[in-house]
Structure formats: structure tokens, C-alpha cells
Amino acid sequence: MGKQDNPIFQRSFPNAEMCNQKLKELPIWEKPLLTVVEAAKYFQIGESNIRRLTREHKDEDFIQWKDSRVFIRREEFEKFLDRTNVI
């Protein structure tokens, strides 16, 4: 049984599934945070290059860590790419 199937979870977070669904439906160009896969598709850069950039530029504003997952701040990454000549 998944967490969202649990009746206690459903009573505690009645809108959780609706919120998750809305996030999934949000077009990629409107998302403020992108996964590595989404960023690769959006910016047409390979996933390995996105991961390399996150390792090489750990202190840049376009990187957001949550636990062990890395997210790309879309607008900040666009600005970074505008300033960068070579990826």
C-alpha cells in the first residue's frame, strides 16, 4: 500500500494528490525548478553535460539541492548560459 493510499495520509493531506497532479501538468517552460532530465530536454543539452555543469559550478545560483537530488533553477540557468561561451 502506497503512502497516498493510506487513509491517515488522505485525512492529513486531502489535497496532496491534486497538488501533485497540478505540478505534473505544469508545462516545462513554466516550471521554476527542473530535474536534470527536464533541463536537458528544455535546453537541448545532454544529461551528462547538465550533470557535469552542476558538479563544476556547485556555488552557482542555478543549482538547487534537495536531499541528494539536484534541480536546475530554470531562469538562473538561462542567465548562466547567456554568460557562458562554451559548455
PDB file of N, CA and C in Angstrom:
ATOM      1  N   MET A   1       0.847  -1.173   0.000  1.00  0.00           N
ATOM      2  CA  MET A   1       0.000   0.000   0.000  1.00  0.00           C
ATOM      3  C   MET A   1       0.894   1.239   0.000  1.00  0.00           C
ATOM      4  N   GLY A   2       0.666   2.143  -0.929  1.00  0.00           N
ATOM      5  CA  GLY A   2       1.435   3.372  -1.026  1.00  0.00           C
ATOM      6  C   GLY A   2       0.996   4.380   0.016  1.00  0.00           C
ATOM      7  N   LYS A   3       1.858   5.364   0.236  1.00  0.00           N
ATOM      8  CA  LYS A   3       1.572   6.389   1.236  1.00  0.00           C
ATOM      9  C   LYS A   3       0.252   7.094   0.949  1.00  0.00           C
ATOM     10  N   GLN A   4      -0.001   7.404  -0.320  1.00  0.00           N
ATOM     11  CA  GLN A   4      -1.207   8.143  -0.656  1.00  0.00           C
ATOM     12  C   GLN A   4      -2.467   7.291  -0.576  1.00  0.00           C
ATOM     13  N   ASP A   5      -2.318   5.960  -0.528  1.00  0.00           N
ATOM     14  CA  ASP A   5      -3.463   5.077  -0.349  1.00  0.00           C
ATOM     15  C   ASP A   5      -3.837   4.937   1.118  1.00  0.00           C
ATOM     16  N   ASN A   6      -2.970   5.350   2.006  1.00  0.00           N
ATOM     17  CA  ASN A   6      -3.190   5.237   3.438  1.00  0.00           C
ATOM     18  C   ASN A   6      -4.291   6.208   3.862  1.00  0.00           C
ATOM     19  N   PRO A   7      -5.342   5.740   4.555  1.00  0.00           N
ATOM     20  CA  PRO A   7      -6.442   6.624   4.968  1.00  0.00           C
ATOM     21  C   PRO A   7      -5.984   7.754   5.885  1.00  0.00           C
ATOM     22  N   ILE A   8      -4.980   7.506   6.727  1.00  0.00           N
ATOM     23  CA  ILE A   8      -4.479   8.560   7.617  1.00  0.00           C
ATOM     24  C   ILE A   8      -3.825   9.663   6.800  1.00  0.00           C
ATOM     25  N   PHE A   9      -3.052   9.279   5.783  1.00  0.00           N
ATOM     26  CA  PHE A   9      -2.424  10.259   4.897  1.00  0.00           C
ATOM     27  C   PHE A   9      -3.490  11.075   4.174  1.00  0.00           C
ATOM     28  N   GLN A  10      -4.540  10.413   3.704  1.00  0.00           N
ATOM     29  CA  GLN A  10      -5.601  11.100   2.971  1.00  0.00           C
ATOM     30  C   GLN A  10      -6.320  12.109   3.857  1.00  0.00           C
ATOM     31  N   ARG A  11      -6.524  11.778   5.148  1.00  0.00           N
ATOM     32  CA  ARG A  11      -7.166  12.726   6.061  1.00  0.00           C
ATOM     33  C   ARG A  11      -6.231  13.880   6.397  1.00  0.00           C
ATOM     34  N   SER A  12      -4.945  13.594   6.523  1.00  0.00           N
ATOM     35  CA  SER A  12      -3.978  14.625   6.899  1.00  0.00           C
ATOM     36  C   SER A  12      -3.662  15.575   5.749  1.00  0.00           C
ATOM     37  N   PHE A  13      -3.622  15.034   4.540  1.00  0.00           N
ATOM     38  CA  PHE A  13      -3.266  15.821   3.357  1.00  0.00           C
ATOM     39  C   PHE A  13      -4.303  15.595   2.261  1.00  0.00           C
ATOM     40  N   PRO A  14      -5.513  16.116   2.436  1.00  0.00           N
ATOM     41  CA  PRO A  14      -6.575  15.817   1.469  1.00  0.00           C
ATOM     42  C   PRO A  14      -6.299  16.346   0.064  1.00  0.00           C
ATOM     43  N   ASN A  15      -5.497  17.381  -0.072  1.00  0.00           N
ATOM     44  CA  ASN A  15      -5.240  17.968  -1.391  1.00  0.00           C
ATOM     45  C   ASN A  15      -3.897  17.553  -1.972  1.00  0.00           C
ATOM     46  N   ALA A  16      -3.200  16.631  -1.324  1.00  0.00           N
ATOM     47  CA  ALA A  16      -1.855  16.253  -1.765  1.00  0.00           C
ATOM     48  C   ALA A  16      -1.851  15.707  -3.182  1.00  0.00           C
ATOM     49  N   GLU A  17      -2.770  14.826  -3.493  1.00  0.00           N
ATOM     50  CA  GLU A  17      -2.790  14.243  -4.834  1.00  0.00           C
ATOM     51  C   GLU A  17      -3.120  15.296  -5.882  1.00  0.00           C
ATOM     52  N   MET A  18      -4.044  16.215  -5.564  1.00  0.00           N
ATOM     53  CA  MET A  18      -4.400  17.267  -6.505  1.00  0.00           C
ATOM     54  C   MET A  18      -3.194  18.181  -6.752  1.00  0.00           C
ATOM     55  N   CYS A  19      -2.439  18.508  -5.705  1.00  0.00           N
ATOM     56  CA  CYS A  19      -1.248  19.348  -5.863  1.00  0.00           C
ATOM     57  C   CYS A  19      -0.203  18.648  -6.721  1.00  0.00           C
ATOM     58  N   ASN A  20       0.019  17.366  -6.475  1.00  0.00           N
ATOM     59  CA  ASN A  20       0.975  16.608  -7.283  1.00  0.00           C
ATOM     60  C   ASN A  20       0.544  16.575  -8.738  1.00  0.00           C
ATOM     61  N   GLN A  21      -0.741  16.410  -8.990  1.00  0.00           N
ATOM     62  CA  GLN A  21      -1.250  16.364 -10.357  1.00  0.00           C
ATOM     63  C   GLN A  21      -1.040  17.709 -11.051  1.00  0.00           C
ATOM     64  N   LYS A  22      -1.277  18.815 -10.332  1.00  0.00           N
ATOM     65  CA  LYS A  22      -1.085  20.139 -10.926  1.00  0.00           C
ATOM     66  C   LYS A  22       0.371  20.371 -11.297  1.00  0.00           C
ATOM     67  N   LEU A  23       1.298  19.912 -10.448  1.00  0.00           N
ATOM     68  CA  LEU A  23       2.716  20.065 -10.764  1.00  0.00           C
ATOM     69  C   LEU A  23       3.100  19.262 -11.994  1.00  0.00           C
ATOM     70  N   LYS A  24       2.527  18.080 -12.143  1.00  0.00           N
ATOM     71  CA  LYS A  24       2.825  17.257 -13.311  1.00  0.00           C
ATOM     72  C   LYS A  24       2.269  17.888 -14.581  1.00  0.00           C
ATOM     73  N   GLU A  25       1.149  18.597 -14.471  1.00  0.00           N
ATOM     74  CA  GLU A  25       0.512  19.195 -15.640  1.00  0.00           C
ATOM     75  C   GLU A  25       1.150  20.517 -16.040  1.00  0.00           C
ATOM     76  N   LEU A  26       1.930  21.123 -15.172  1.00  0.00           N
ATOM     77  CA  LEU A  26       2.551  22.407 -15.451  1.00  0.00           C
ATOM     78  C   LEU A  26       3.531  22.262 -16.611  1.00  0.00           C
ATOM     79  N   PRO A  27       3.396  23.082 -17.653  1.00  0.00           N
ATOM     80  CA  PRO A  27       4.326  22.981 -18.786  1.00  0.00           C
ATOM     81  C   PRO A  27       5.758  23.244 -18.329  1.00  0.00           C
ATOM     82  N   ILE A  28       6.685  22.590 -18.977  1.00  0.00           N
ATOM     83  CA  ILE A  28       8.093  22.660 -18.577  1.00  0.00           C
ATOM     84  C   ILE A  28       8.621  24.095 -18.619  1.00  0.00           C
ATOM     85  N   TRP A  29       8.143  24.908 -19.531  1.00  0.00           N
ATOM     86  CA  TRP A  29       8.648  26.279 -19.649  1.00  0.00           C
ATOM     87  C   TRP A  29       8.105  27.177 -18.545  1.00  0.00           C
ATOM     88  N   GLU A  30       7.143  26.696 -17.739  1.00  0.00           N
ATOM     89  CA  GLU A  30       6.625  27.471 -16.616  1.00  0.00           C
ATOM     90  C   GLU A  30       7.166  26.985 -15.275  1.00  0.00           C
ATOM     91  N   LYS A  31       7.829  25.846 -15.267  1.00  0.00           N
ATOM     92  CA  LYS A  31       8.354  25.302 -14.018  1.00  0.00           C
ATOM     93  C   LYS A  31       9.572  26.104 -13.571  1.00  0.00           C
ATOM     94  N   PRO A  32       9.597  26.528 -12.318  1.00  0.00           N
ATOM     95  CA  PRO A  32      10.777  27.253 -11.836  1.00  0.00           C
ATOM     96  C   PRO A  32      11.970  26.338 -11.590  1.00  0.00           C
ATOM     97  N   LEU A  33      11.705  25.092 -11.178  1.00  0.00           N
ATOM     98  CA  LEU A  33      12.762  24.110 -10.937  1.00  0.00           C
ATOM     99  C   LEU A  33      12.609  22.954 -11.900  1.00  0.00           C
ATOM    100  N   LEU A  34      13.711  22.543 -12.495  1.00  0.00           N
ATOM    101  CA  LEU A  34      13.699  21.432 -13.442  1.00  0.00           C
ATOM    102  C   LEU A  34      14.598  20.315 -12.936  1.00  0.00           C
ATOM    103  N   THR A  35      14.195  19.091 -13.209  1.00  0.00           N
ATOM    104  CA  THR A  35      15.089  17.966 -12.961  1.00  0.00           C
ATOM    105  C   THR A  35      16.172  17.991 -14.036  1.00  0.00           C
ATOM    106  N   VAL A  36      17.183  17.171 -13.868  1.00  0.00           N
ATOM    107  CA  VAL A  36      18.250  17.095 -14.873  1.00  0.00           C
ATOM    108  C   VAL A  36      17.676  16.665 -16.215  1.00  0.00           C
ATOM    109  N   VAL A  37      16.769  15.701 -16.202  1.00  0.00           N
ATOM    110  CA  VAL A  37      16.158  15.212 -17.448  1.00  0.00           C
ATOM    111  C   VAL A  37      15.344  16.323 -18.106  1.00  0.00           C
ATOM    112  N   GLU A  38      14.536  17.042 -17.319  1.00  0.00           N
ATOM    113  CA  GLU A  38      13.736  18.138 -17.869  1.00  0.00           C
ATOM    114  C   GLU A  38      14.631  19.249 -18.408  1.00  0.00           C
ATOM    115  N   ALA A  39      15.689  19.587 -17.680  1.00  0.00           N
ATOM    116  CA  ALA A  39      16.610  20.636 -18.129  1.00  0.00           C
ATOM    117  C   ALA A  39      17.292  20.240 -19.431  1.00  0.00           C
ATOM    118  N   ALA A  40      17.661  18.977 -19.550  1.00  0.00           N
ATOM    119  CA  ALA A  40      18.301  18.504 -20.780  1.00  0.00           C
ATOM    120  C   ALA A  40      17.356  18.652 -21.965  1.00  0.00           C
ATOM    121  N   LYS A  41      16.102  18.313 -21.768  1.00  0.00           N
ATOM    122  CA  LYS A  41      15.118  18.447 -22.850  1.00  0.00           C
ATOM    123  C   LYS A  41      14.858  19.915 -23.171  1.00  0.00           C
ATOM    124  N   TYR A  42      14.666  20.721 -22.140  1.00  0.00           N
ATOM    125  CA  TYR A  42      14.315  22.126 -22.332  1.00  0.00           C
ATOM    126  C   TYR A  42      15.441  22.909 -23.005  1.00  0.00           C
ATOM    127  N   PHE A  43      16.669  22.712 -22.541  1.00  0.00           N
ATOM    128  CA  PHE A  43      17.801  23.475 -23.065  1.00  0.00           C
ATOM    129  C   PHE A  43      18.519  22.774 -24.209  1.00  0.00           C
ATOM    130  N   GLN A  44      18.088  21.570 -24.546  1.00  0.00           N
ATOM    131  CA  GLN A  44      18.687  20.766 -25.612  1.00  0.00           C
ATOM    132  C   GLN A  44      20.188  20.583 -25.380  1.00  0.00           C
ATOM    133  N   ILE A  45      20.489  20.203 -24.144  1.00  0.00           N
ATOM    134  CA  ILE A  45      21.850  19.881 -23.725  1.00  0.00           C
ATOM    135  C   ILE A  45      21.786  18.471 -23.159  1.00  0.00           C
ATOM    136  N   GLY A  46      22.786  17.673 -23.396  1.00  0.00           N
ATOM    137  CA  GLY A  46      22.787  16.306 -22.895  1.00  0.00           C
ATOM    138  C   GLY A  46      22.732  16.233 -21.370  1.00  0.00           C
ATOM    139  N   GLU A  47      22.106  15.170 -20.871  1.00  0.00           N
ATOM    140  CA  GLU A  47      22.003  14.980 -19.424  1.00  0.00           C
ATOM    141  C   GLU A  47      23.373  14.948 -18.765  1.00  0.00           C
ATOM    142  N   SER A  48      24.335  14.292 -19.406  1.00  0.00           N
ATOM    143  CA  SER A  48      25.679  14.211 -18.811  1.00  0.00           C
ATOM    144  C   SER A  48      26.320  15.595 -18.724  1.00  0.00           C
ATOM    145  N   ASN A  49      26.057  16.454 -19.699  1.00  0.00           N
ATOM    146  CA  ASN A  49      26.591  17.821 -19.639  1.00  0.00           C
ATOM    147  C   ASN A  49      25.917  18.628 -18.532  1.00  0.00           C
ATOM    148  N   ILE A  50      24.622  18.447 -18.349  1.00  0.00           N
ATOM    149  CA  ILE A  50      23.916  19.132 -17.260  1.00  0.00           C
ATOM    150  C   ILE A  50      24.506  18.687 -15.919  1.00  0.00           C
ATOM    151  N   ARG A  51      24.695  17.373 -15.756  1.00  0.00           N
ATOM    152  CA  ARG A  51      25.262  16.853 -14.500  1.00  0.00           C
ATOM    153  C   ARG A  51      26.689  17.372 -14.283  1.00  0.00           C
ATOM    154  N   ARG A  52      27.472  17.435 -15.353  1.00  0.00           N
ATOM    155  CA  ARG A  52      28.839  17.955 -15.248  1.00  0.00           C
ATOM    156  C   ARG A  52      28.823  19.420 -14.816  1.00  0.00           C
ATOM    157  N   LEU A  53      27.927  20.210 -15.410  1.00  0.00           N
ATOM    158  CA  LEU A  53      27.827  21.623 -15.043  1.00  0.00           C
ATOM    159  C   LEU A  53      27.437  21.790 -13.577  1.00  0.00           C
ATOM    160  N   THR A  54      26.560  20.918 -13.076  1.00  0.00           N
ATOM    161  CA  THR A  54      26.178  21.019 -11.663  1.00  0.00           C
ATOM    162  C   THR A  54      27.348  20.668 -10.749  1.00  0.00           C
ATOM    163  N   ARG A  55      28.213  19.760 -11.185  1.00  0.00           N
ATOM    164  CA  ARG A  55      29.400  19.419 -10.388  1.00  0.00           C
ATOM    165  C   ARG A  55      30.441  20.537 -10.441  1.00  0.00           C
ATOM    166  N   GLU A  56      30.649  21.093 -11.629  1.00  0.00           N
ATOM    167  CA  GLU A  56      31.693  22.100 -11.814  1.00  0.00           C
ATOM    168  C   GLU A  56      31.311  23.466 -11.258  1.00  0.00           C
ATOM    169  N   HIS A  57      30.025  23.743 -11.163  1.00  0.00           N
ATOM    170  CA  HIS A  57      29.549  25.068 -10.730  1.00  0.00           C
ATOM    171  C   HIS A  57      28.645  24.928  -9.509  1.00  0.00           C
ATOM    172  N   LYS A  58      29.139  24.241  -8.489  1.00  0.00           N
ATOM    173  CA  LYS A  58      28.336  23.953  -7.294  1.00  0.00           C
ATOM    174  C   LYS A  58      27.823  25.208  -6.598  1.00  0.00           C
ATOM    175  N   ASP A  59      28.550  26.311  -6.696  1.00  0.00           N
ATOM    176  CA  ASP A  59      28.178  27.527  -5.979  1.00  0.00           C
ATOM    177  C   ASP A  59      27.321  28.488  -6.802  1.00  0.00           C
ATOM    178  N   GLU A  60      26.984  28.118  -8.011  1.00  0.00           N
ATOM    179  CA  GLU A  60      26.170  28.991  -8.865  1.00  0.00           C
ATOM    180  C   GLU A  60      24.720  29.026  -8.375  1.00  0.00           C
ATOM    181  N   ASP A  61      24.037  30.111  -8.719  1.00  0.00           N
ATOM    182  CA  ASP A  61      22.647  30.294  -8.294  1.00  0.00           C
ATOM    183  C   ASP A  61      21.673  29.343  -8.974  1.00  0.00           C
ATOM    184  N   PHE A  62      22.059  28.752 -10.093  1.00  0.00           N
ATOM    185  CA  PHE A  62      21.112  27.919 -10.835  1.00  0.00           C
ATOM    186  C   PHE A  62      20.959  26.514 -10.263  1.00  0.00           C
ATOM    187  N   ILE A  63      21.726  26.172  -9.245  1.00  0.00           N
ATOM    188  CA  ILE A  63      21.665  24.825  -8.669  1.00  0.00           C
ATOM    189  C   ILE A  63      20.878  24.850  -7.373  1.00  0.00           C
ATOM    190  N   GLN A  64      19.962  23.910  -7.238  1.00  0.00           N
ATOM    191  CA  GLN A  64      19.174  23.749  -6.012  1.00  0.00           C
ATOM    192  C   GLN A  64      19.243  22.285  -5.600  1.00  0.00           C
ATOM    193  N   TRP A  65      19.778  22.021  -4.419  1.00  0.00           N
ATOM    194  CA  TRP A  65      19.863  20.651  -3.909  1.00  0.00           C
ATOM    195  C   TRP A  65      18.709  20.395  -2.964  1.00  0.00           C
ATOM    196  N   LYS A  66      18.115  19.235  -3.101  1.00  0.00           N
ATOM    197  CA  LYS A  66      17.108  18.771  -2.146  1.00  0.00           C
ATOM    198  C   LYS A  66      17.477  17.335  -1.819  1.00  0.00           C
ATOM    199  N   ASP A  67      17.922  17.126  -0.585  1.00  0.00           N
ATOM    200  CA  ASP A  67      18.483  15.843  -0.166  1.00  0.00           C
ATOM    201  C   ASP A  67      19.656  15.527  -1.100  1.00  0.00           C
ATOM    202  N   SER A  68      19.591  14.431  -1.809  1.00  0.00           N
ATOM    203  CA  SER A  68      20.692  14.087  -2.717  1.00  0.00           C
ATOM    204  C   SER A  68      20.346  14.385  -4.174  1.00  0.00           C
ATOM    205  N   ARG A  69      19.188  14.985  -4.414  1.00  0.00           N
ATOM    206  CA  ARG A  69      18.768  15.291  -5.789  1.00  0.00           C
ATOM    207  C   ARG A  69      19.115  16.726  -6.139  1.00  0.00           C
ATOM    208  N   VAL A  70      19.516  16.904  -7.365  1.00  0.00           N
ATOM    209  CA  VAL A  70      19.848  18.246  -7.833  1.00  0.00           C
ATOM    210  C   VAL A  70      18.742  18.718  -8.773  1.00  0.00           C
ATOM    211  N   PHE A  71      18.373  19.985  -8.624  1.00  0.00           N
ATOM    212  CA  PHE A  71      17.399  20.618  -9.501  1.00  0.00           C
ATOM    213  C   PHE A  71      18.053  21.842 -10.125  1.00  0.00           C
ATOM    214  N   ILE A  72      17.554  22.220 -11.281  1.00  0.00           N
ATOM    215  CA  ILE A  72      18.076  23.367 -12.013  1.00  0.00           C
ATOM    216  C   ILE A  72      17.037  24.480 -11.944  1.00  0.00           C
ATOM    217  N   ARG A  73      17.456  25.639 -11.469  1.00  0.00           N
ATOM    218  CA  ARG A  73      16.564  26.805 -11.488  1.00  0.00           C
ATOM    219  C   ARG A  73      16.575  27.340 -12.918  1.00  0.00           C
ATOM    220  N   ARG A  74      15.442  27.223 -13.561  1.00  0.00           N
ATOM    221  CA  ARG A  74      15.341  27.472 -14.997  1.00  0.00           C
ATOM    222  C   ARG A  74      15.825  28.872 -15.385  1.00  0.00           C
ATOM    223  N   GLU A  75      15.289  29.907 -14.756  1.00  0.00           N
ATOM    224  CA  GLU A  75      15.635  31.275 -15.159  1.00  0.00           C
ATOM    225  C   GLU A  75      17.106  31.601 -14.882  1.00  0.00           C
ATOM    226  N   GLU A  76      17.619  31.147 -13.739  1.00  0.00           N
ATOM    227  CA  GLU A  76      19.019  31.399 -13.413  1.00  0.00           C
ATOM    228  C   GLU A  76      19.943  30.651 -14.364  1.00  0.00           C
ATOM    229  N   PHE A  77      19.539  29.435 -14.765  1.00  0.00           N
ATOM    230  CA  PHE A  77      20.358  28.666 -15.701  1.00  0.00           C
ATOM    231  C   PHE A  77      20.361  29.335 -17.074  1.00  0.00           C
ATOM    232  N   GLU A  78      19.230  29.911 -17.477  1.00  0.00           N
ATOM    233  CA  GLU A  78      19.184  30.656 -18.742  1.00  0.00           C
ATOM    234  C   GLU A  78      20.183  31.813 -18.702  1.00  0.00           C
ATOM    235  N   LYS A  79      20.221  32.533 -17.578  1.00  0.00           N
ATOM    236  CA  LYS A  79      21.169  33.646 -17.440  1.00  0.00           C
ATOM    237  C   LYS A  79      22.611  33.142 -17.470  1.00  0.00           C
ATOM    238  N   PHE A  80      22.856  32.020 -16.807  1.00  0.00           N
ATOM    239  CA  PHE A  80      24.192  31.419 -16.807  1.00  0.00           C
ATOM    240  C   PHE A  80      24.612  31.065 -18.228  1.00  0.00           C
ATOM    241  N   LEU A  81      23.714  30.452 -18.985  1.00  0.00           N
ATOM    242  CA  LEU A  81      24.037  30.068 -20.363  1.00  0.00           C
ATOM    243  C   LEU A  81      24.295  31.294 -21.238  1.00  0.00           C
ATOM    244  N   ASP A  82      23.571  32.391 -20.983  1.00  0.00           N
ATOM    245  CA  ASP A  82      23.799  33.626 -21.739  1.00  0.00           C
ATOM    246  C   ASP A  82      25.206  34.177 -21.495  1.00  0.00           C
ATOM    247  N   ARG A  83      25.723  33.988 -20.276  1.00  0.00           N
ATOM    248  CA  ARG A  83      27.059  34.492 -19.923  1.00  0.00           C
ATOM    249  C   ARG A  83      28.176  33.562 -20.368  1.00  0.00           C
ATOM    250  N   THR A  84      27.847  32.318 -20.677  1.00  0.00           N
ATOM    251  CA  THR A  84      28.851  31.295 -20.949  1.00  0.00           C
ATOM    252  C   THR A  84      29.060  31.128 -22.445  1.00  0.00           C
ATOM    253  N   ASN A  85      30.322  31.078 -22.862  1.00  0.00           N
ATOM    254  CA  ASN A  85      30.635  30.883 -24.276  1.00  0.00           C
ATOM    255  C   ASN A  85      30.705  29.416 -24.653  1.00  0.00           C
ATOM    256  N   VAL A  86      31.246  28.599 -23.769  1.00  0.00           N
ATOM    257  CA  VAL A  86      31.447  27.176 -24.050  1.00  0.00           C
ATOM    258  C   VAL A  86      30.852  26.372 -22.907  1.00  0.00           C
ATOM    259  N   ILE A  87      30.165  25.298 -23.276  1.00  0.00           N
ATOM    260  CA  ILE A  87      29.584  24.427 -22.240  1.00  0.00           C
ATOM    261  C   ILE A  87      30.478  23.228 -22.064  1.00  0.00           C
TER     262      ILE A  87
END
